[in-house]
Amino acid sequence: MLREYLTLSPIRSEQEESRISVEAGFNTQEIRLTGQVTGQAPFVGTLIHKGWRADSITLPKLADNYDTSILAPAEVEL
């Protein structure tokens, strides 16, 4: 179902569990360093997860009167 609305691609192309180098100036929204993060780039570590990027997002049209600011409605049990 997600494929109807999203086109995804991996952020990193290397195989998970492989050793990679993260150069200085890397995008911190794309790569999260974990473990013992000390010193300066380049950082060498094990790629745990490739990460995912949405290349395109095509959501269905919402009804004109739909309030997108409501994340979860209040619930009243009767």
PDB file of N, CA and C in Angstrom:
ATOM      1  N   MET A   1       0.818  -1.190   0.000  1.00  0.00           N
ATOM      2  CA  MET A   1       0.000   0.000   0.000  1.00  0.00           C
ATOM      3  C   MET A   1       0.863   1.256   0.000  1.00  0.00           C
ATOM      4  N   LEU A   2       1.958   1.243   0.745  1.00  0.00           N
ATOM      5  CA  LEU A   2       2.830   2.418   0.767  1.00  0.00           C
ATOM      6  C   LEU A   2       3.362   2.757  -0.612  1.00  0.00           C
ATOM      7  N   ARG A   3       3.606   1.758  -1.433  1.00  0.00           N
ATOM      8  CA  ARG A   3       4.157   1.994  -2.771  1.00  0.00           C
ATOM      9  C   ARG A   3       3.220   2.824  -3.637  1.00  0.00           C
ATOM     10  N   GLU A   4       1.933   2.831  -3.296  1.00  0.00           N
ATOM     11  CA  GLU A   4       0.981   3.680  -4.022  1.00  0.00           C
ATOM     12  C   GLU A   4       1.284   5.150  -3.815  1.00  0.00           C
ATOM     13  N   TYR A   5       1.824   5.497  -2.650  1.00  0.00           N
ATOM     14  CA  TYR A   5       1.975   6.894  -2.257  1.00  0.00           C
ATOM     15  C   TYR A   5       3.418   7.363  -2.139  1.00  0.00           C
ATOM     16  N   LEU A   6       4.371   6.443  -1.987  1.00  0.00           N
ATOM     17  CA  LEU A   6       5.769   6.820  -1.763  1.00  0.00           C
ATOM     18  C   LEU A   6       6.695   6.081  -2.715  1.00  0.00           C
ATOM     19  N   THR A   7       7.712   6.788  -3.198  1.00  0.00           N
ATOM     20  CA  THR A   7       8.817   6.162  -3.895  1.00  0.00           C
ATOM     21  C   THR A   7      10.023   6.323  -2.993  1.00  0.00           C
ATOM     22  N   LEU A   8      10.591   5.206  -2.534  1.00  0.00           N
ATOM     23  CA  LEU A   8      11.678   5.236  -1.565  1.00  0.00           C
ATOM     24  C   LEU A   8      12.997   4.811  -2.195  1.00  0.00           C
ATOM     25  N   SER A   9      14.088   5.345  -1.644  1.00  0.00           N
ATOM     26  CA  SER A   9      15.421   4.882  -2.016  1.00  0.00           C
ATOM     27  C   SER A   9      16.294   4.908  -0.765  1.00  0.00           C
ATOM     28  N   PRO A  10      17.295   4.027  -0.711  1.00  0.00           N
ATOM     29  CA  PRO A  10      18.168   4.016   0.461  1.00  0.00           C
ATOM     30  C   PRO A  10      19.060   5.252   0.485  1.00  0.00           C
ATOM     31  N   ILE A  11      19.380   5.731   1.688  1.00  0.00           N
ATOM     32  CA  ILE A  11      20.293   6.867   1.830  1.00  0.00           C
ATOM     33  C   ILE A  11      21.723   6.419   1.544  1.00  0.00           C
ATOM     34  N   ARG A  12      22.115   5.255   2.047  1.00  0.00           N
ATOM     35  CA  ARG A  12      23.445   4.708   1.786  1.00  0.00           C
ATOM     36  C   ARG A  12      23.299   3.469   0.919  1.00  0.00           C
ATOM     37  N   SER A  13      24.205   3.285  -0.037  1.00  0.00           N
ATOM     38  CA  SER A  13      24.110   2.151  -0.963  1.00  0.00           C
ATOM     39  C   SER A  13      24.894   0.925  -0.498  1.00  0.00           C
ATOM     40  N   GLU A  14      25.780   1.095   0.483  1.00  0.00           N
ATOM     41  CA  GLU A  14      26.584  -0.028   0.957  1.00  0.00           C
ATOM     42  C   GLU A  14      25.703  -1.065   1.661  1.00  0.00           C
ATOM     43  N   GLN A  15      26.221  -2.282   1.752  1.00  0.00           N
ATOM     44  CA  GLN A  15      25.514  -3.348   2.459  1.00  0.00           C
ATOM     45  C   GLN A  15      25.509  -3.070   3.957  1.00  0.00           C
ATOM     46  N   GLU A  16      24.386  -3.346   4.619  1.00  0.00           N
ATOM     47  CA  GLU A  16      24.340  -3.240   6.068  1.00  0.00           C
ATOM     48  C   GLU A  16      25.355  -4.207   6.665  1.00  0.00           C
ATOM     49  N   GLU A  17      25.938  -3.835   7.784  1.00  0.00           N
ATOM     50  CA  GLU A  17      27.000  -4.559   8.487  1.00  0.00           C
ATOM     51  C   GLU A  17      28.369  -4.384   7.831  1.00  0.00           C
ATOM     52  N   SER A  18      28.471  -3.566   6.760  1.00  0.00           N
ATOM     53  CA  SER A  18      29.781  -3.309   6.165  1.00  0.00           C
ATOM     54  C   SER A  18      30.420  -2.094   6.834  1.00  0.00           C
ATOM     55  N   ARG A  19      31.746  -1.990   6.747  1.00  0.00           N
ATOM     56  CA  ARG A  19      32.484  -0.860   7.310  1.00  0.00           C
ATOM     57  C   ARG A  19      32.435   0.282   6.299  1.00  0.00           C
ATOM     58  N   ILE A  20      32.098   1.480   6.788  1.00  0.00           N
ATOM     59  CA  ILE A  20      32.030   2.645   5.909  1.00  0.00           C
ATOM     60  C   ILE A  20      32.742   3.818   6.571  1.00  0.00           C
ATOM     61  N   SER A  21      33.029   4.827   5.757  1.00  0.00           N
ATOM     62  CA  SER A  21      33.631   6.062   6.236  1.00  0.00           C
ATOM     63  C   SER A  21      32.625   7.186   6.033  1.00  0.00           C
ATOM     64  N   VAL A  22      32.472   8.021   7.050  1.00  0.00           N
ATOM     65  CA  VAL A  22      31.579   9.178   6.977  1.00  0.00           C
ATOM     66  C   VAL A  22      32.470  10.417   6.987  1.00  0.00           C
ATOM     67  N   GLU A  23      32.463  11.137   5.883  1.00  0.00           N
ATOM     68  CA  GLU A  23      33.357  12.275   5.700  1.00  0.00           C
ATOM     69  C   GLU A  23      32.873  13.510   6.453  1.00  0.00           C
ATOM     70  N   ALA A  24      33.770  14.455   6.647  1.00  0.00           N
ATOM     71  CA  ALA A  24      33.438  15.731   7.290  1.00  0.00           C
ATOM     72  C   ALA A  24      32.348  16.435   6.488  1.00  0.00           C
ATOM     73  N   GLY A  25      31.478  17.152   7.172  1.00  0.00           N
ATOM     74  CA  GLY A  25      30.404  17.891   6.508  1.00  0.00           C
ATOM     75  C   GLY A  25      29.208  17.039   6.128  1.00  0.00           C
ATOM     76  N   PHE A  26      29.133  15.811   6.662  1.00  0.00           N
ATOM     77  CA  PHE A  26      28.003  14.936   6.322  1.00  0.00           C
ATOM     78  C   PHE A  26      26.690  15.550   6.805  1.00  0.00           C
ATOM     79  N   ASN A  27      25.604  15.169   6.164  1.00  0.00           N
ATOM     80  CA  ASN A  27      24.268  15.671   6.491  1.00  0.00           C
ATOM     81  C   ASN A  27      23.745  14.917   7.719  1.00  0.00           C
ATOM     82  N   THR A  28      23.588  15.627   8.836  1.00  0.00           N
ATOM     83  CA  THR A  28      23.143  14.981  10.078  1.00  0.00           C
ATOM     84  C   THR A  28      21.676  14.572  10.033  1.00  0.00           C
ATOM     85  N   GLN A  29      20.930  15.032   9.044  1.00  0.00           N
ATOM     86  CA  GLN A  29      19.560  14.542   8.880  1.00  0.00           C
ATOM     87  C   GLN A  29      19.563  13.193   8.174  1.00  0.00           C
ATOM     88  N   GLU A  30      20.607  12.910   7.429  1.00  0.00           N
ATOM     89  CA  GLU A  30      20.713  11.645   6.705  1.00  0.00           C
ATOM     90  C   GLU A  30      21.448  10.567   7.491  1.00  0.00           C
ATOM     91  N   ILE A  31      22.416  10.966   8.305  1.00  0.00           N
ATOM     92  CA  ILE A  31      23.264   9.997   9.002  1.00  0.00           C
ATOM     93  C   ILE A  31      23.291  10.315  10.486  1.00  0.00           C
ATOM     94  N   ARG A  32      23.000   9.319  11.306  1.00  0.00           N
ATOM     95  CA  ARG A  32      23.082   9.448  12.765  1.00  0.00           C
ATOM     96  C   ARG A  32      24.236   8.577  13.247  1.00  0.00           C
ATOM     97  N   LEU A  33      25.193   9.212  13.905  1.00  0.00           N
ATOM     98  CA  LEU A  33      26.317   8.476  14.483  1.00  0.00           C
ATOM     99  C   LEU A  33      25.926   7.995  15.871  1.00  0.00           C
ATOM    100  N   THR A  34      26.220   6.743  16.180  1.00  0.00           N
ATOM    101  CA  THR A  34      25.924   6.187  17.500  1.00  0.00           C
ATOM    102  C   THR A  34      27.179   5.521  18.042  1.00  0.00           C
ATOM    103  N   GLY A  35      27.149   5.151  19.301  1.00  0.00           N
ATOM    104  CA  GLY A  35      28.297   4.494  19.910  1.00  0.00           C
ATOM    105  C   GLY A  35      29.240   5.519  20.513  1.00  0.00           C
ATOM    106  N   GLN A  36      30.525   5.277  20.421  1.00  0.00           N
ATOM    107  CA  GLN A  36      31.534   6.171  20.988  1.00  0.00           C
ATOM    108  C   GLN A  36      31.933   7.202  19.942  1.00  0.00           C
ATOM    109  N   VAL A  37      31.186   8.305  19.898  1.00  0.00           N
ATOM    110  CA  VAL A  37      31.425   9.358  18.910  1.00  0.00           C
ATOM    111  C   VAL A  37      32.391  10.365  19.519  1.00  0.00           C
ATOM    112  N   THR A  38      33.647  10.300  19.090  1.00  0.00           N
ATOM    113  CA  THR A  38      34.673  11.223  19.575  1.00  0.00           C
ATOM    114  C   THR A  38      35.562  11.622  18.410  1.00  0.00           C
ATOM    115  N   GLY A  39      36.209  12.751  18.549  1.00  0.00           N
ATOM    116  CA  GLY A  39      37.151  13.187  17.532  1.00  0.00           C
ATOM    117  C   GLY A  39      36.476  13.854  16.353  1.00  0.00           C
ATOM    118  N   GLN A  40      37.218  13.949  15.290  1.00  0.00           N
ATOM    119  CA  GLN A  40      36.792  14.637  14.076  1.00  0.00           C
ATOM    120  C   GLN A  40      36.590  13.638  12.938  1.00  0.00           C
ATOM    121  N   ALA A  41      35.773  14.044  11.963  1.00  0.00           N
ATOM    122  CA  ALA A  41      35.584  13.236  10.756  1.00  0.00           C
ATOM    123  C   ALA A  41      36.910  13.204   9.993  1.00  0.00           C
ATOM    124  N   PRO A  42      37.142  12.185   9.191  1.00  0.00           N
ATOM    125  CA  PRO A  42      36.192  11.138   8.837  1.00  0.00           C
ATOM    126  C   PRO A  42      36.022  10.114   9.964  1.00  0.00           C
ATOM    127  N   PHE A  43      34.775   9.648  10.097  1.00  0.00           N
ATOM    128  CA  PHE A  43      34.441   8.624  11.077  1.00  0.00           C
ATOM    129  C   PHE A  43      34.341   7.287  10.344  1.00  0.00           C
ATOM    130  N   VAL A  44      34.864   6.239  10.934  1.00  0.00           N
ATOM    131  CA  VAL A  44      34.776   4.900  10.348  1.00  0.00           C
ATOM    132  C   VAL A  44      33.962   4.044  11.299  1.00  0.00           C
ATOM    133  N   GLY A  45      32.946   3.378  10.756  1.00  0.00           N
ATOM    134  CA  GLY A  45      32.094   2.549  11.588  1.00  0.00           C
ATOM    135  C   GLY A  45      31.343   1.521  10.768  1.00  0.00           C
ATOM    136  N   THR A  46      30.444   0.820  11.418  1.00  0.00           N
ATOM    137  CA  THR A  46      29.638  -0.224  10.788  1.00  0.00           C
ATOM    138  C   THR A  46      28.268   0.333  10.441  1.00  0.00           C
ATOM    139  N   LEU A  47      27.866   0.170   9.192  1.00  0.00           N
ATOM    140  CA  LEU A  47      26.545   0.621   8.751  1.00  0.00           C
ATOM    141  C   LEU A  47      25.495  -0.331   9.321  1.00  0.00           C
ATOM    142  N   ILE A  48      24.711   0.152  10.248  1.00  0.00           N
ATOM    143  CA  ILE A  48      23.679  -0.666  10.885  1.00  0.00           C
ATOM    144  C   ILE A  48      22.403  -0.654  10.053  1.00  0.00           C
ATOM    145  N   HIS A  49      22.031   0.504   9.531  1.00  0.00           N
ATOM    146  CA  HIS A  49      20.799   0.656   8.748  1.00  0.00           C
ATOM    147  C   HIS A  49      21.083   1.629   7.616  1.00  0.00           C
ATOM    148  N   LYS A  50      20.658   1.286   6.406  1.00  0.00           N
ATOM    149  CA  LYS A  50      20.918   2.134   5.241  1.00  0.00           C
ATOM    150  C   LYS A  50      20.195   3.473   5.297  1.00  0.00           C
ATOM    151  N   GLY A  51      19.089   3.523   6.025  1.00  0.00           N
ATOM    152  CA  GLY A  51      18.261   4.726   6.011  1.00  0.00           C
ATOM    153  C   GLY A  51      17.393   4.750   4.760  1.00  0.00           C
ATOM    154  N   TRP A  52      16.338   5.535   4.800  1.00  0.00           N
ATOM    155  CA  TRP A  52      15.425   5.632   3.661  1.00  0.00           C
ATOM    156  C   TRP A  52      15.075   7.081   3.399  1.00  0.00           C
ATOM    157  N   ARG A  53      14.928   7.409   2.135  1.00  0.00           N
ATOM    158  CA  ARG A  53      14.539   8.744   1.681  1.00  0.00           C
ATOM    159  C   ARG A  53      13.301   8.594   0.798  1.00  0.00           C
ATOM    160  N   ALA A  54      12.362   9.509   0.972  1.00  0.00           N
ATOM    161  CA  ALA A  54      11.187   9.539   0.095  1.00  0.00           C
ATOM    162  C   ALA A  54      11.540  10.395  -1.118  1.00  0.00           C
ATOM    163  N   ASP A  55      11.667   9.759  -2.280  1.00  0.00           N
ATOM    164  CA  ASP A  55      11.971  10.489  -3.513  1.00  0.00           C
ATOM    165  C   ASP A  55      10.747  11.222  -4.035  1.00  0.00           C
ATOM    166  N   SER A  56       9.595  10.624  -3.825  1.00  0.00           N
ATOM    167  CA  SER A  56       8.346  11.295  -4.203  1.00  0.00           C
ATOM    168  C   SER A  56       7.246  10.869  -3.246  1.00  0.00           C
ATOM    169  N   ILE A  57       6.357  11.803  -2.977  1.00  0.00           N
ATOM    170  CA  ILE A  57       5.214  11.555  -2.100  1.00  0.00           C
ATOM    171  C   ILE A  57       3.970  12.017  -2.839  1.00  0.00           C
ATOM    172  N   THR A  58       3.041  11.103  -3.048  1.00  0.00           N
ATOM    173  CA  THR A  58       1.791  11.424  -3.726  1.00  0.00           C
ATOM    174  C   THR A  58       0.657  10.950  -2.834  1.00  0.00           C
ATOM    175  N   LEU A  59       0.151  11.846  -2.019  1.00  0.00           N
ATOM    176  CA  LEU A  59      -0.930  11.491  -1.102  1.00  0.00           C
ATOM    177  C   LEU A  59      -2.277  11.747  -1.754  1.00  0.00           C
ATOM    178  N   PRO A  60      -3.283  10.985  -1.367  1.00  0.00           N
ATOM    179  CA  PRO A  60      -4.610  11.207  -1.939  1.00  0.00           C
ATOM    180  C   PRO A  60      -5.140  12.577  -1.531  1.00  0.00           C
ATOM    181  N   LYS A  61      -5.988  13.151  -2.387  1.00  0.00           N
ATOM    182  CA  LYS A  61      -6.603  14.444  -2.084  1.00  0.00           C
ATOM    183  C   LYS A  61      -7.560  14.277  -0.914  1.00  0.00           C
ATOM    184  N   LEU A  62      -7.466  15.211   0.015  1.00  0.00           N
ATOM    185  CA  LEU A  62      -8.349  15.185   1.176  1.00  0.00           C
ATOM    186  C   LEU A  62      -9.623  15.960   0.873  1.00  0.00           C
ATOM    187  N   ALA A  63     -10.665  15.654   1.596  1.00  0.00           N
ATOM    188  CA  ALA A  63     -11.918  16.401   1.451  1.00  0.00           C
ATOM    189  C   ALA A  63     -11.655  17.870   1.782  1.00  0.00           C
ATOM    190  N   ASP A  64     -12.361  18.774   1.131  1.00  0.00           N
ATOM    191  CA  ASP A  64     -12.144  20.210   1.312  1.00  0.00           C
ATOM    192  C   ASP A  64     -12.293  20.655   2.757  1.00  0.00           C
ATOM    193  N   ASN A  65     -13.185  20.033   3.507  1.00  0.00           N
ATOM    194  CA  ASN A  65     -13.427  20.471   4.884  1.00  0.00           C
ATOM    195  C   ASN A  65     -12.595  19.702   5.909  1.00  0.00           C
ATOM    196  N   TYR A  66     -11.613  18.917   5.475  1.00  0.00           N
ATOM    197  CA  TYR A  66     -10.789  18.115   6.381  1.00  0.00           C
ATOM    198  C   TYR A  66      -9.726  18.996   7.025  1.00  0.00           C
ATOM    199  N   ASP A  67      -9.659  19.001   8.366  1.00  0.00           N
ATOM    200  CA  ASP A  67      -8.700  19.819   9.111  1.00  0.00           C
ATOM    201  C   ASP A  67      -7.423  19.012   9.332  1.00  0.00           C
ATOM    202  N   THR A  68      -6.388  19.304   8.570  1.00  0.00           N
ATOM    203  CA  THR A  68      -5.138  18.547   8.658  1.00  0.00           C
ATOM    204  C   THR A  68      -4.344  18.839   9.930  1.00  0.00           C
ATOM    205  N   SER A  69      -4.755  19.845  10.711  1.00  0.00           N
ATOM    206  CA  SER A  69      -4.039  20.145  11.953  1.00  0.00           C
ATOM    207  C   SER A  69      -4.430  19.190  13.083  1.00  0.00           C
ATOM    208  N   ILE A  70      -5.520  18.434  12.916  1.00  0.00           N
ATOM    209  CA  ILE A  70      -5.957  17.467  13.925  1.00  0.00           C
ATOM    210  C   ILE A  70      -5.183  16.170  13.705  1.00  0.00           C
ATOM    211  N   LEU A  71      -4.328  15.827  14.666  1.00  0.00           N
ATOM    212  CA  LEU A  71      -3.539  14.601  14.547  1.00  0.00           C
ATOM    213  C   LEU A  71      -4.285  13.389  15.075  1.00  0.00           C
ATOM    214  N   ALA A  72      -5.033  13.571  16.157  1.00  0.00           N
ATOM    215  CA  ALA A  72      -5.849  12.508  16.735  1.00  0.00           C
ATOM    216  C   ALA A  72      -7.039  13.183  17.404  1.00  0.00           C
ATOM    217  N   PRO A  73      -8.250  12.809  17.051  1.00  0.00           N
ATOM    218  CA  PRO A  73      -9.416  13.452  17.648  1.00  0.00           C
ATOM    219  C   PRO A  73      -9.604  13.032  19.107  1.00  0.00           C
ATOM    220  N   ALA A  74     -10.289  13.871  19.856  1.00  0.00           N
ATOM    221  CA  ALA A  74     -10.683  13.492  21.217  1.00  0.00           C
ATOM    222  C   ALA A  74     -11.660  12.331  21.104  1.00  0.00           C
ATOM    223  N   GLU A  75     -11.618  11.442  22.055  1.00  0.00           N
ATOM    224  CA  GLU A  75     -12.486  10.270  22.023  1.00  0.00           C
ATOM    225  C   GLU A  75     -13.408  10.301  23.229  1.00  0.00           C
ATOM    226  N   VAL A  76     -14.687  10.108  22.985  1.00  0.00           N
ATOM    227  CA  VAL A  76     -15.689  10.100  24.051  1.00  0.00           C
ATOM    228  C   VAL A  76     -16.420   8.775  23.978  1.00  0.00           C
ATOM    229  N   GLU A  77     -16.329   7.991  25.032  1.00  0.00           N
ATOM    230  CA  GLU A  77     -17.034   6.716  25.069  1.00  0.00           C
ATOM    231  C   GLU A  77     -18.410   6.938  25.661  1.00  0.00           C
ATOM    232  N   LEU A  78     -19.433   6.451  24.996  1.00  0.00           N
ATOM    233  CA  LEU A  78     -20.820   6.596  25.455  1.00  0.00           C
ATOM    234  C   LEU A  78     -21.357   5.280  25.965  1.00  0.00           C
TER     235      LEU A  78
END
